[in-house]
């Protein structure tokens, strides 16, 4: 308690923002697992399930653009509280009777959830830029990796929680429990978060939402294809394949995907040590290229094993673990580079633009995950994943070889 009392006011506020982010991410992961498994039980096809998340991803694209501008004008704490309120509303929308849970209604609830999620992510990721000196790049990489890794650990715990709550409480009661819990977090946040962290000195114009930095534009392009490569087989195809083809029950699917994401988050937090921080190195464009090249091999090998029927279950699960570890390092490198490249005064604008590309990649991957899996199977999803990672690697070649702090909104 004494150590906490000695922390600066900005650091205390950031710790609260991080706690809010964790609470939100827990419910977001649980909600995704609840929706996938519950609507699969109701007889929805993989493509129909993917369509339920369409607005979630579309509004994530829009929110990251507009949210970065709002964060710069209003302060990151206010955008965080708005995000929490919208997630409570999204959960409450799913408390209607099952007969009223139509596709348009669930898509509307997911739209609110998508807006909420990206307001929270943008707020948390932008705040850390303001707490680390510009010449302490090793420290910046470390703290970004810890934040990103812990967030994904919470998301994995949410996947586990979603499968558990669906098994124990059923869909309606599970959503009710999450609505009440996150509502309490939101009320506490309103009372505690009072500082205008991240509020720009000069109010940015709305026309400044698009980045003018070449480095940020290229990094955003690489991020788009990187996350499209993950979600094209992870969002819909994988849980449905585990449930139908391999015969796993809800508990097993939720638990395995939860463990995968927790492990993924743990590797992300170790990325600085893995990539050479102990030797005084920080990542640059060549690092992003090299790690993307290594990652691209994994989905290709899994697809070949499935095609040849070579121990398909073991190949899929083992390959997924390797993919998760390599993807975690790639994601952590990107997360460091965007915070490093971003302009300090209008950091939320640059981070918002970058996560707009991230959301567009998830949107593309989600739609392809349902449609390609339904038409051509998991092998085709893995083939597209390989292609997308290869494109991300090629785009990364255009990134600076040494850290460049881009004044992208000047």
Protein backbone atom coordinates (compact mmCIF):
# COMPACT_ATOMS: atom_id res chain seq x y z
CA UNK A 1 0.00 0.00 0.00
CA UNK A 2 2.91 2.33 0.75
CA UNK A 3 4.33 1.74 -2.73
CA UNK A 4 0.99 2.58 -4.32
CA UNK A 5 0.73 5.76 -2.30
CA UNK A 6 4.11 6.95 -3.63
CA UNK A 7 3.09 6.58 -7.27
CA UNK A 8 2.43 9.73 -9.28
CA UNK A 9 -1.16 10.78 -9.94
CA UNK A 10 -0.84 9.96 -13.66
CA UNK A 11 0.48 6.47 -12.95
CA UNK A 12 -2.34 5.80 -10.47
CA UNK A 13 -4.86 6.91 -13.08
CA UNK A 14 -3.22 4.66 -15.65
CA UNK A 15 -3.41 1.68 -13.29
CA UNK A 16 -7.14 2.33 -12.93
CA UNK A 17 -7.51 2.56 -16.71
CA UNK A 18 -5.68 -0.76 -17.02
CA UNK A 19 -7.95 -2.38 -14.42
CA UNK A 20 -10.99 -1.14 -16.34
CA UNK A 21 -9.50 -2.54 -19.53
CA UNK A 22 -8.99 -5.93 -17.91
CA UNK A 23 -12.57 -6.04 -16.58
CA UNK A 24 -13.95 -5.06 -19.96
CA UNK A 25 -11.79 -7.59 -21.82
CA UNK A 26 -12.95 -10.39 -19.51
CA UNK A 27 -16.60 -9.76 -20.40
CA UNK A 28 -15.79 -9.23 -24.08
CA UNK A 29 -14.08 -12.60 -24.41
CA UNK A 30 -16.85 -14.34 -22.48
CA UNK A 31 -19.53 -12.73 -24.64
CA UNK A 32 -17.86 -13.83 -27.87
CA UNK A 33 -17.67 -17.45 -26.69
CA UNK A 34 -21.28 -17.33 -25.46
CA UNK A 35 -22.55 -16.04 -28.81
CA UNK A 36 -20.58 -18.53 -30.94
CA UNK A 37 -21.54 -21.60 -28.92
CA UNK A 38 -25.13 -20.59 -28.09
CA UNK A 39 -26.09 -19.73 -31.65
CA UNK A 40 -24.34 -22.83 -32.96
CA UNK A 41 -26.59 -24.82 -30.62
CA UNK A 42 -29.60 -22.99 -32.06
CA UNK A 43 -28.72 -24.33 -35.51
CA UNK A 44 -26.99 -21.30 -37.04
CA UNK A 45 -24.48 -22.04 -39.82
CA UNK A 46 -20.85 -20.90 -39.54
CA UNK A 47 -21.52 -18.08 -42.01
CA UNK A 48 -24.57 -16.92 -40.04
CA UNK A 49 -22.53 -16.91 -36.83
CA UNK A 50 -19.83 -14.87 -38.56
CA UNK A 51 -22.49 -12.38 -39.68
CA UNK A 52 -23.47 -11.84 -36.03
CA UNK A 53 -20.04 -10.24 -35.55
CA UNK A 54 -20.19 -8.19 -38.77
CA UNK A 55 -21.24 -4.92 -37.11
CA UNK A 56 -18.90 -5.60 -34.18
CA UNK A 57 -15.96 -5.43 -36.56
CA UNK A 58 -17.36 -2.72 -38.88
CA UNK A 59 -18.02 -0.36 -35.99
CA UNK A 60 -14.59 -1.18 -34.61
CA UNK A 61 -13.09 0.25 -37.81
CA UNK A 62 -15.13 3.46 -37.48
CA UNK A 63 -14.60 3.77 -33.72
CA UNK A 64 -10.83 3.64 -33.93
CA UNK A 65 -10.79 6.52 -36.40
CA UNK A 66 -13.29 8.69 -34.54
CA UNK A 67 -12.27 7.45 -31.07
CA UNK A 68 -8.69 8.65 -31.46
CA UNK A 69 -9.98 12.11 -32.32
CA UNK A 70 -12.38 12.06 -29.35
CA UNK A 71 -9.61 10.91 -27.02
CA UNK A 72 -7.42 13.82 -28.08
CA UNK A 73 -10.25 16.32 -27.56
CA UNK A 74 -12.03 14.93 -24.49
CA UNK A 75 -9.33 12.95 -22.67
CA UNK A 76 -8.71 9.21 -22.59
CA UNK A 77 -10.48 8.69 -19.27
CA UNK A 78 -13.76 9.96 -20.69
CA UNK A 79 -13.52 7.69 -23.73
CA UNK A 80 -12.82 4.79 -21.36
CA UNK A 81 -16.00 5.50 -19.38
CA UNK A 82 -18.06 5.85 -22.55
CA UNK A 83 -16.77 2.45 -23.68
CA UNK A 84 -17.72 0.78 -20.40
CA UNK A 85 -21.24 2.26 -20.55
CA UNK A 86 -21.77 1.05 -24.12
CA UNK A 87 -20.66 -2.49 -23.21
CA UNK A 88 -23.17 -2.58 -20.35
CA UNK A 89 -25.86 -1.52 -22.82
CA UNK A 90 -24.77 -4.18 -25.33
CA UNK A 91 -24.97 -6.91 -22.70
CA UNK A 92 -28.38 -5.67 -21.54
CA UNK A 93 -29.71 -5.91 -25.10
CA UNK A 94 -29.08 -9.67 -25.05
CA UNK A 95 -31.27 -10.17 -21.98
CA UNK A 96 -34.46 -10.25 -24.08
CA UNK A 97 -36.30 -13.62 -24.45
CA UNK A 98 -34.68 -16.12 -26.82
CA UNK A 99 -37.49 -15.67 -29.37
CA UNK A 100 -36.46 -12.02 -29.76
CA UNK A 101 -32.75 -12.75 -30.25
CA UNK A 102 -32.98 -12.29 -34.00
CA UNK A 103 -29.94 -11.80 -36.21
CA UNK A 104 -30.51 -8.02 -36.65
CA UNK A 105 -30.96 -7.55 -32.88
CA UNK A 106 -27.80 -9.47 -31.99
CA UNK A 107 -25.87 -7.64 -34.72
CA UNK A 108 -27.00 -4.32 -33.21
CA UNK A 109 -25.85 -5.42 -29.75
CA UNK A 110 -22.52 -6.51 -31.23
CA UNK A 111 -22.20 -3.12 -32.92
CA UNK A 112 -22.37 -1.41 -29.51
CA UNK A 113 -19.91 -3.93 -28.13
CA UNK A 114 -17.49 -3.27 -31.00
CA UNK A 115 -17.62 0.47 -30.37
CA UNK A 116 -17.10 -0.10 -26.65
CA UNK A 117 -14.18 -2.47 -27.10
CA UNK A 118 -12.17 -0.19 -29.35
CA UNK A 119 -12.78 2.89 -27.21
CA UNK A 120 -11.34 0.95 -24.28
CA UNK A 121 -8.39 -0.43 -26.22
CA UNK A 122 -7.50 2.94 -27.74
CA UNK A 123 -7.69 4.62 -24.33
CA UNK A 124 -5.47 2.10 -22.57
CA UNK A 125 -2.85 1.75 -25.34
CA UNK A 126 -2.58 5.52 -25.88
CA UNK A 127 -2.15 6.32 -22.18
CA UNK A 128 1.12 4.43 -21.81
CA UNK A 129 2.88 6.66 -24.37
CA UNK A 130 2.42 9.60 -21.98
CA UNK A 131 4.01 7.86 -18.99
CA UNK A 132 7.36 6.79 -20.46
CA UNK A 133 10.14 9.26 -21.46
CA UNK A 134 10.79 9.41 -25.19
CA UNK A 135 14.38 8.20 -24.81
CA UNK A 136 13.43 5.10 -22.75
CA UNK A 137 12.47 2.83 -25.64
CA UNK A 138 13.40 -0.38 -23.82
CA UNK A 139 11.08 0.55 -20.95
CA UNK A 140 8.34 1.48 -23.41
CA UNK A 141 8.61 -1.92 -25.14
CA UNK A 142 8.49 -3.68 -21.77
CA UNK A 143 5.36 -1.89 -20.56
CA UNK A 144 3.53 -2.20 -23.86
CA UNK A 145 4.31 -5.93 -23.88
CA UNK A 146 3.03 -6.34 -20.31
CA UNK A 147 -0.19 -4.44 -21.05
CA UNK A 148 -0.84 -6.34 -24.29
CA UNK A 149 0.00 -9.70 -22.77
CA UNK A 150 -2.13 -9.18 -19.67
CA UNK A 151 -5.05 -8.04 -21.83
CA UNK A 152 -4.94 -11.23 -23.84
CA UNK A 153 -4.66 -13.29 -20.67
CA UNK A 154 -7.90 -11.63 -19.56
CA UNK A 155 -9.46 -12.34 -22.94
CA UNK A 156 -8.48 -15.99 -22.61
CA UNK A 157 -9.96 -16.11 -19.14
CA UNK A 158 -13.09 -14.61 -20.71
CA UNK A 159 -13.28 -17.47 -23.22
CA UNK A 160 -13.04 -19.91 -20.35
CA UNK A 161 -15.63 -17.94 -18.38
CA UNK A 162 -18.01 -17.88 -21.34
CA UNK A 163 -17.94 -21.65 -21.79
CA UNK A 164 -18.26 -22.15 -18.03
CA UNK A 165 -21.19 -19.75 -17.60
CA UNK A 166 -23.01 -21.19 -20.61
CA UNK A 167 -22.69 -24.68 -19.14
CA UNK A 168 -23.67 -23.69 -15.58
CA UNK A 169 -26.12 -20.83 -15.97
CA UNK A 170 -27.38 -20.87 -19.53
CA UNK A 171 -27.18 -17.97 -21.96
CA UNK A 172 -29.61 -15.54 -20.30
CA UNK A 173 -28.30 -15.83 -16.73
CA UNK A 174 -24.69 -15.72 -17.90
CA UNK A 175 -25.29 -12.44 -19.73
CA UNK A 176 -27.18 -11.06 -16.70
CA UNK A 177 -24.29 -11.82 -14.36
CA UNK A 178 -21.80 -10.08 -16.67
CA UNK A 179 -24.09 -7.06 -17.08
CA UNK A 180 -24.31 -6.52 -13.33
CA UNK A 181 -20.57 -7.02 -12.75
CA UNK A 182 -19.45 -4.65 -15.50
CA UNK A 183 -22.09 -2.12 -14.47
CA UNK A 184 -20.48 -1.92 -11.03
CA UNK A 185 -17.05 -1.42 -12.62
CA UNK A 186 -18.46 1.40 -14.77
CA UNK A 187 -19.99 3.18 -11.76
CA UNK A 188 -16.72 2.94 -9.85
CA UNK A 189 -14.84 4.25 -12.87
CA UNK A 190 -17.07 7.32 -13.09
CA UNK A 191 -16.25 8.15 -9.47
CA UNK A 192 -12.50 7.50 -9.65
CA UNK A 193 -11.32 8.55 -13.13
CA UNK A 194 -11.15 12.33 -13.00
CA UNK A 195 -7.98 13.40 -14.81
CA UNK A 196 -7.83 14.32 -18.50
CA UNK A 197 -4.99 11.97 -19.44
CA UNK A 198 -4.13 12.23 -23.13
CA UNK A 199 -6.08 15.41 -23.81
CA UNK A 200 -4.24 17.26 -26.59
CA UNK A 201 -2.93 20.76 -25.95
CA UNK A 202 -4.08 21.82 -29.41
CA UNK A 203 -7.53 20.52 -30.31
CA UNK A 204 -7.10 18.41 -33.46
CA UNK A 205 -9.40 18.89 -36.41
CA UNK A 206 -11.55 15.99 -37.55
CA UNK A 207 -9.64 15.93 -40.85
CA UNK A 208 -6.53 14.86 -38.91
CA UNK A 209 -7.89 11.38 -38.16
CA UNK A 210 -5.95 9.91 -41.10
CA UNK A 211 -2.26 9.42 -40.45
CA UNK A 212 0.30 11.42 -42.44
CA UNK A 213 3.20 9.23 -41.35
CA UNK A 214 4.50 6.69 -43.86
CA UNK A 215 5.81 4.46 -41.05
CA UNK A 216 2.41 4.35 -39.33
CA UNK A 217 0.63 3.72 -42.63
CA UNK A 218 2.87 0.76 -43.49
CA UNK A 219 2.66 -0.63 -39.97
CA UNK A 220 -1.13 -0.33 -40.11
CA UNK A 221 -1.17 -2.26 -43.38
CA UNK A 222 0.95 -5.03 -41.89
CA UNK A 223 -1.32 -5.13 -38.84
CA UNK A 224 -4.42 -5.47 -41.03
CA UNK A 225 -3.13 -8.62 -42.72
CA UNK A 226 -1.61 -10.04 -39.52
CA UNK A 227 -4.93 -10.01 -37.68
CA UNK A 228 -6.86 -11.10 -40.74
CA UNK A 229 -4.53 -14.12 -40.81
CA UNK A 230 -5.46 -15.03 -37.24
CA UNK A 231 -9.20 -14.47 -37.37
CA UNK A 232 -9.75 -16.18 -40.74
CA UNK A 233 -9.53 -19.50 -38.92
CA UNK A 234 -9.70 -18.68 -35.22
CA UNK A 235 -12.98 -16.74 -34.82
CA UNK A 236 -15.61 -19.10 -36.29
CA UNK A 237 -13.91 -21.94 -38.15
CA UNK A 238 -11.83 -23.32 -35.26
CA UNK A 239 -14.47 -23.46 -32.48
CA UNK A 240 -17.06 -24.91 -34.88
CA UNK A 241 -14.52 -27.47 -36.19
CA UNK A 242 -13.62 -28.51 -32.64
CA UNK A 243 -17.30 -28.87 -31.78
CA UNK A 244 -18.56 -30.64 -34.92
CA UNK A 245 -15.65 -32.51 -36.50
CA UNK A 246 -13.78 -33.43 -33.31
CA UNK A 247 -16.90 -33.72 -31.14
CA UNK A 248 -15.76 -31.47 -28.28
CA UNK A 249 -18.37 -30.15 -25.84
CA UNK A 250 -18.78 -26.46 -24.87
CA UNK A 251 -16.63 -26.82 -21.76
CA UNK A 252 -13.75 -28.34 -23.73
CA UNK A 253 -13.90 -25.79 -26.55
CA UNK A 254 -14.07 -22.83 -24.17
CA UNK A 255 -11.34 -24.20 -21.90
CA UNK A 256 -8.91 -24.95 -24.72
CA UNK A 257 -9.34 -21.60 -26.47
CA UNK A 258 -9.08 -19.88 -23.09
CA UNK A 259 -5.81 -21.66 -22.33
CA UNK A 260 -4.54 -20.78 -25.81
CA UNK A 261 -5.21 -17.07 -25.36
CA UNK A 262 -3.81 -17.00 -21.81
CA UNK A 263 -0.62 -18.63 -23.10
CA UNK A 264 -0.61 -16.22 -26.03
CA UNK A 265 -0.81 -13.30 -23.61
CA UNK A 266 1.99 -14.74 -21.47
CA UNK A 267 4.28 -15.00 -24.51
CA UNK A 268 3.43 -11.42 -25.46
CA UNK A 269 4.60 -10.20 -22.07
CA UNK A 270 7.92 -12.04 -22.63
CA UNK A 271 8.42 -10.67 -26.15
CA UNK A 272 11.06 -8.08 -25.11
CA UNK A 273 13.28 -10.83 -23.66
CA UNK A 274 12.69 -13.16 -26.62
CA UNK A 275 13.52 -10.51 -29.21
CA UNK A 276 16.70 -9.25 -27.59
CA UNK A 277 15.88 -6.49 -25.08
CA UNK A 278 18.34 -8.11 -22.64
CA UNK A 279 21.09 -7.29 -25.16
CA UNK A 280 19.94 -3.69 -25.48
CA UNK A 281 18.00 -4.21 -28.71
CA UNK A 282 14.58 -2.82 -29.55
CA UNK A 283 12.52 -3.93 -32.57
CA UNK A 284 12.45 -2.20 -35.94
CA UNK A 285 11.02 -2.93 -39.37
CA UNK A 286 13.41 -5.82 -40.03
CA UNK A 287 12.33 -7.46 -36.79
CA UNK A 288 8.68 -7.30 -37.90
CA UNK A 289 9.58 -8.79 -41.30
CA UNK A 290 11.65 -11.65 -39.88
CA UNK A 291 9.10 -12.75 -37.30
CA UNK A 292 6.25 -12.57 -39.84
CA UNK A 293 8.21 -14.85 -42.19
CA UNK A 294 8.61 -17.43 -39.43
CA UNK A 295 4.91 -17.21 -38.54
CA UNK A 296 3.76 -17.77 -42.14
CA UNK A 297 5.14 -21.33 -42.13
CA UNK A 298 2.89 -22.55 -39.30
CA UNK A 299 -0.62 -22.40 -40.84
CA UNK A 300 0.80 -23.85 -44.07
CA UNK A 301 2.16 -26.90 -42.22
CA UNK A 302 -1.14 -27.40 -40.35
CA UNK A 303 -3.06 -27.29 -43.64
CA UNK A 304 -0.75 -29.87 -45.21
CA UNK A 305 -1.16 -32.20 -42.21
CA UNK A 306 -4.96 -31.93 -42.38
CA UNK A 307 -4.96 -32.50 -46.14
CA UNK A 308 -2.81 -35.64 -45.79
CA UNK A 309 -4.85 -36.78 -42.77
CA UNK A 310 -1.60 -37.01 -40.82
CA UNK A 311 -2.64 -37.14 -37.17
CA UNK A 312 -5.08 -34.27 -37.85
CA UNK A 313 -6.15 -33.57 -34.26
CA UNK A 314 -2.61 -33.56 -32.90
CA UNK A 315 -1.34 -31.51 -35.85
CA UNK A 316 -4.11 -28.95 -35.40
CA UNK A 317 -3.70 -28.54 -31.66
CA UNK A 318 0.10 -28.60 -31.69
CA UNK A 319 0.23 -26.26 -34.65
CA UNK A 320 -2.18 -23.91 -32.94
CA UNK A 321 0.12 -23.68 -29.93
CA UNK A 322 3.12 -22.85 -32.13
CA UNK A 323 1.06 -20.35 -34.13
CA UNK A 324 -0.09 -18.69 -30.91
CA UNK A 325 3.45 -18.25 -29.59
CA UNK A 326 4.77 -16.81 -32.86
CA UNK A 327 1.71 -14.64 -33.38
CA UNK A 328 2.10 -13.26 -29.85
CA UNK A 329 5.62 -12.08 -30.62
CA UNK A 330 4.53 -10.51 -33.92
CA UNK A 331 1.62 -8.73 -32.24
CA UNK A 332 3.79 -7.47 -29.39
CA UNK A 333 6.36 -6.09 -31.84
CA UNK A 334 3.63 -4.21 -33.68
CA UNK A 335 2.15 -2.87 -30.44
CA UNK A 336 5.54 -1.47 -29.43
CA UNK A 337 6.23 0.04 -32.85
CA UNK A 338 2.95 1.95 -33.06
CA UNK A 339 3.40 3.50 -29.63
CA UNK A 340 7.00 4.33 -30.50
CA UNK A 341 6.14 5.88 -33.87
CA UNK A 342 3.13 7.86 -32.57
CA UNK A 343 3.20 11.61 -32.07
CA UNK A 344 3.27 12.39 -28.33
CA UNK A 345 0.76 15.25 -28.31
CA UNK A 346 -1.85 13.53 -30.47
CA UNK A 347 -0.96 9.95 -29.61
CA UNK A 348 -4.58 8.77 -29.59
CA UNK A 349 -5.01 9.86 -33.22
CA UNK A 350 -2.10 7.74 -34.43
CA UNK A 351 -3.00 4.80 -32.23
CA UNK A 352 -6.63 5.09 -33.29
CA UNK A 353 -5.69 4.99 -36.99
CA UNK A 354 -3.50 1.94 -36.41
CA UNK A 355 -6.23 0.08 -34.55
CA UNK A 356 -8.67 1.02 -37.29
CA UNK A 357 -6.53 -1.12 -39.59
CA UNK A 358 -6.42 -3.80 -36.88
CA UNK A 359 -10.23 -3.79 -36.74
CA UNK A 360 -10.52 -3.96 -40.53
CA UNK A 361 -8.25 -7.01 -40.52
CA UNK A 362 -10.46 -8.66 -37.90
CA UNK A 363 -13.55 -7.81 -39.96
CA UNK A 364 -12.04 -9.34 -43.07
CA UNK A 365 -10.87 -12.41 -41.18
CA UNK A 366 -14.21 -12.92 -39.42
CA UNK A 367 -16.23 -12.80 -42.64
CA UNK A 368 -13.82 -15.13 -44.42
CA UNK A 369 -13.76 -17.47 -41.43
CA UNK A 370 -17.47 -18.17 -41.71
CA UNK A 371 -17.82 -18.17 -45.51
CA UNK A 372 -14.62 -20.04 -46.44
CA UNK A 373 -15.07 -22.65 -43.71
CA UNK A 374 -18.67 -23.31 -44.75
CA UNK A 375 -17.75 -23.62 -48.44
CA UNK A 376 -14.26 -25.12 -48.44
CA UNK A 377 -13.32 -26.22 -44.91
CA UNK A 378 -10.59 -25.46 -42.39
CA UNK A 379 -7.72 -26.22 -44.77
CA UNK A 380 -8.76 -23.35 -47.03
CA UNK A 381 -8.94 -21.00 -44.03
CA UNK A 382 -5.39 -21.97 -43.13
CA UNK A 383 -4.24 -21.38 -46.72
CA UNK A 384 -5.63 -17.85 -46.63
CA UNK A 385 -3.97 -17.34 -43.25
CA UNK A 386 -0.61 -18.25 -44.77
CA UNK A 387 -1.13 -15.80 -47.63
CA UNK A 388 -2.12 -12.97 -45.29
CA UNK A 389 0.92 -13.42 -43.04
CA UNK A 390 3.17 -13.42 -46.13
CA UNK A 391 1.62 -10.11 -47.23
CA UNK A 392 2.17 -8.68 -43.73
CA UNK A 393 5.84 -9.67 -43.98
CA UNK A 394 6.24 -7.99 -47.38
CA UNK A 395 4.60 -4.76 -46.15
CA UNK A 396 6.92 -4.79 -43.10
CA UNK A 397 9.90 -4.40 -45.41
CA UNK A 398 8.87 -0.76 -45.88
CA UNK A 399 9.11 -0.01 -42.14
CA UNK A 400 12.14 1.95 -40.82
CA UNK A 401 15.07 -0.22 -39.86
CA UNK A 402 15.69 1.87 -36.80
CA UNK A 403 13.18 3.39 -34.42
CA UNK A 404 11.71 6.60 -35.79
CA UNK A 405 9.41 8.80 -33.75
CA UNK A 406 6.94 10.10 -36.30
CA UNK A 407 5.32 13.51 -35.86
CA UNK A 408 2.44 12.26 -37.95
CA UNK A 409 -0.16 14.80 -37.02
CA UNK A 410 1.91 17.96 -37.13
